[in-house]
C-alpha atoms as a PDB file:
ATOM      1  CA  UNK A   1      11.792 -35.671  -6.772  1.00  0.00           C
ATOM      2  CA  UNK A   2      10.736 -39.309  -6.605  1.00  0.00           C
ATOM      3  CA  UNK A   3       7.697 -40.267  -4.570  1.00  0.00           C
ATOM      4  CA  UNK A   4       7.937 -43.376  -2.408  1.00  0.00           C
ATOM      5  CA  UNK A   5       6.525 -46.618  -3.784  1.00  0.00           C
ATOM      6  CA  UNK A   6       2.786 -46.735  -3.254  1.00  0.00           C
ATOM      7  CA  UNK A   7       2.722 -43.134  -2.077  1.00  0.00           C
ATOM      8  CA  UNK A   8       1.213 -40.042  -3.601  1.00  0.00           C
ATOM      9  CA  UNK A   9       3.300 -37.145  -4.870  1.00  0.00           C
ATOM     10  CA  UNK A  10       3.531 -34.132  -2.648  1.00  0.00           C
ATOM     11  CA  UNK A  11       1.027 -31.321  -3.415  1.00  0.00           C
ATOM     12  CA  UNK A  12       3.849 -29.064  -4.595  1.00  0.00           C
ATOM     13  CA  UNK A  13       4.887 -31.714  -7.144  1.00  0.00           C
ATOM     14  CA  UNK A  14       1.334 -31.930  -8.477  1.00  0.00           C
ATOM     15  CA  UNK A  15       1.170 -28.145  -8.879  1.00  0.00           C
ATOM     16  CA  UNK A  16       4.546 -28.090 -10.623  1.00  0.00           C
ATOM     17  CA  UNK A  17       3.504 -30.885 -13.005  1.00  0.00           C
ATOM     18  CA  UNK A  18       0.271 -29.103 -13.871  1.00  0.00           C
ATOM     19  CA  UNK A  19       2.115 -25.859 -14.614  1.00  0.00           C
ATOM     20  CA  UNK A  20       4.736 -27.513 -16.801  1.00  0.00           C
ATOM     21  CA  UNK A  21       2.017 -29.531 -18.505  1.00  0.00           C
ATOM     22  CA  UNK A  22       0.400 -26.346 -19.771  1.00  0.00           C
ATOM     23  CA  UNK A  23       3.645 -24.862 -21.059  1.00  0.00           C
ATOM     24  CA  UNK A  24       4.741 -28.298 -22.251  1.00  0.00           C
ATOM     25  CA  UNK A  25       1.712 -28.493 -24.532  1.00  0.00           C
ATOM     26  CA  UNK A  26       2.560 -25.082 -25.995  1.00  0.00           C
ATOM     27  CA  UNK A  27       6.185 -26.092 -26.474  1.00  0.00           C
ATOM     28  CA  UNK A  28       5.080 -29.309 -28.161  1.00  0.00           C
ATOM     29  CA  UNK A  29       2.762 -27.437 -30.530  1.00  0.00           C
ATOM     30  CA  UNK A  30       5.581 -25.015 -31.393  1.00  0.00           C
ATOM     31  CA  UNK A  31       7.985 -27.890 -32.030  1.00  0.00           C
ATOM     32  CA  UNK A  32       5.392 -29.641 -34.173  1.00  0.00           C
ATOM     33  CA  UNK A  33       4.871 -26.489 -36.243  1.00  0.00           C
ATOM     34  CA  UNK A  34       8.642 -26.091 -36.663  1.00  0.00           C
ATOM     35  CA  UNK A  35       8.950 -29.730 -37.701  1.00  0.00           C
ATOM     36  CA  UNK A  36       6.226 -29.252 -40.303  1.00  0.00           C
ATOM     37  CA  UNK A  37       7.951 -26.125 -41.648  1.00  0.00           C
ATOM     38  CA  UNK A  38      11.344 -27.831 -41.868  1.00  0.00           C
ATOM     39  CA  UNK A  39       9.787 -30.920 -43.439  1.00  0.00           C
ATOM     40  CA  UNK A  40       8.109 -28.858 -46.164  1.00  0.00           C
ATOM     41  CA  UNK A  41      11.371 -27.017 -46.823  1.00  0.00           C
ATOM     42  CA  UNK A  42      13.279 -30.314 -47.090  1.00  0.00           C
ATOM     43  CA  UNK A  43      10.644 -31.677 -49.465  1.00  0.00           C
ATOM     44  CA  UNK A  44      10.918 -28.591 -51.675  1.00  0.00           C
ATOM     45  CA  UNK A  45      14.731 -28.892 -51.707  1.00  0.00           C
ATOM     46  CA  UNK A  46      14.432 -32.569 -52.615  1.00  0.00           C
ATOM     47  CA  UNK A  47      12.198 -31.749 -55.587  1.00  0.00           C
ATOM     48  CA  UNK A  48      14.665 -29.130 -56.832  1.00  0.00           C
ATOM     49  CA  UNK A  49      17.580 -31.550 -56.479  1.00  0.00           C
ATOM     50  CA  UNK A  50      15.705 -34.281 -58.380  1.00  0.00           C
ATOM     51  CA  UNK A  51      14.919 -31.839 -61.203  1.00  0.00           C
ATOM     52  CA  UNK A  52      18.561 -30.727 -61.443  1.00  0.00           C
ATOM     53  CA  UNK A  53      19.811 -34.323 -61.335  1.00  0.00           C
ATOM     54  CA  UNK A  54      17.424 -35.310 -64.128  1.00  0.00           C
ATOM     55  CA  UNK A  55      18.500 -32.366 -66.291  1.00  0.00           C
ATOM     56  CA  UNK A  56      22.191 -33.121 -65.768  1.00  0.00           C
ATOM     57  CA  UNK A  57      21.814 -36.804 -66.540  1.00  0.00           C
ATOM     58  CA  UNK A  58      19.903 -35.919 -69.734  1.00  0.00           C
ATOM     59  CA  UNK A  59      22.672 -33.532 -70.785  1.00  0.00           C
ATOM     60  CA  UNK A  60      25.277 -36.212 -70.029  1.00  0.00           C
ATOM     61  CA  UNK A  61      23.446 -38.740 -72.210  1.00  0.00           C
ATOM     62  CA  UNK A  62      23.319 -36.269 -75.082  1.00  0.00           C
ATOM     63  CA  UNK A  63      27.043 -35.529 -74.705  1.00  0.00           C
ATOM     64  CA  UNK A  64      27.878 -39.231 -74.561  1.00  0.00           C
ATOM     65  CA  UNK A  65      25.902 -39.846 -77.754  1.00  0.00           C
ATOM     66  CA  UNK A  66      27.797 -37.049 -79.536  1.00  0.00           C
ATOM     67  CA  UNK A  67      31.130 -38.590 -78.548  1.00  0.00           C
ATOM     68  CA  UNK A  68      30.191 -42.072 -79.761  1.00  0.00           C
END
């Protein structure tokens, strides 16, 4: 509900905003924690992929040297 220009919101709107503000903060904290968890998981996966890529490129170099 939009309040008129220059007017104050109705008391019921203020109460609703205060209630959702409290749960909104909890939702935000939960989302932030989930983001941190997913970020750490992605970082761990990235490290594993880099290690595997390095090992494979080393093996490829060795194989290429044997062929030459």
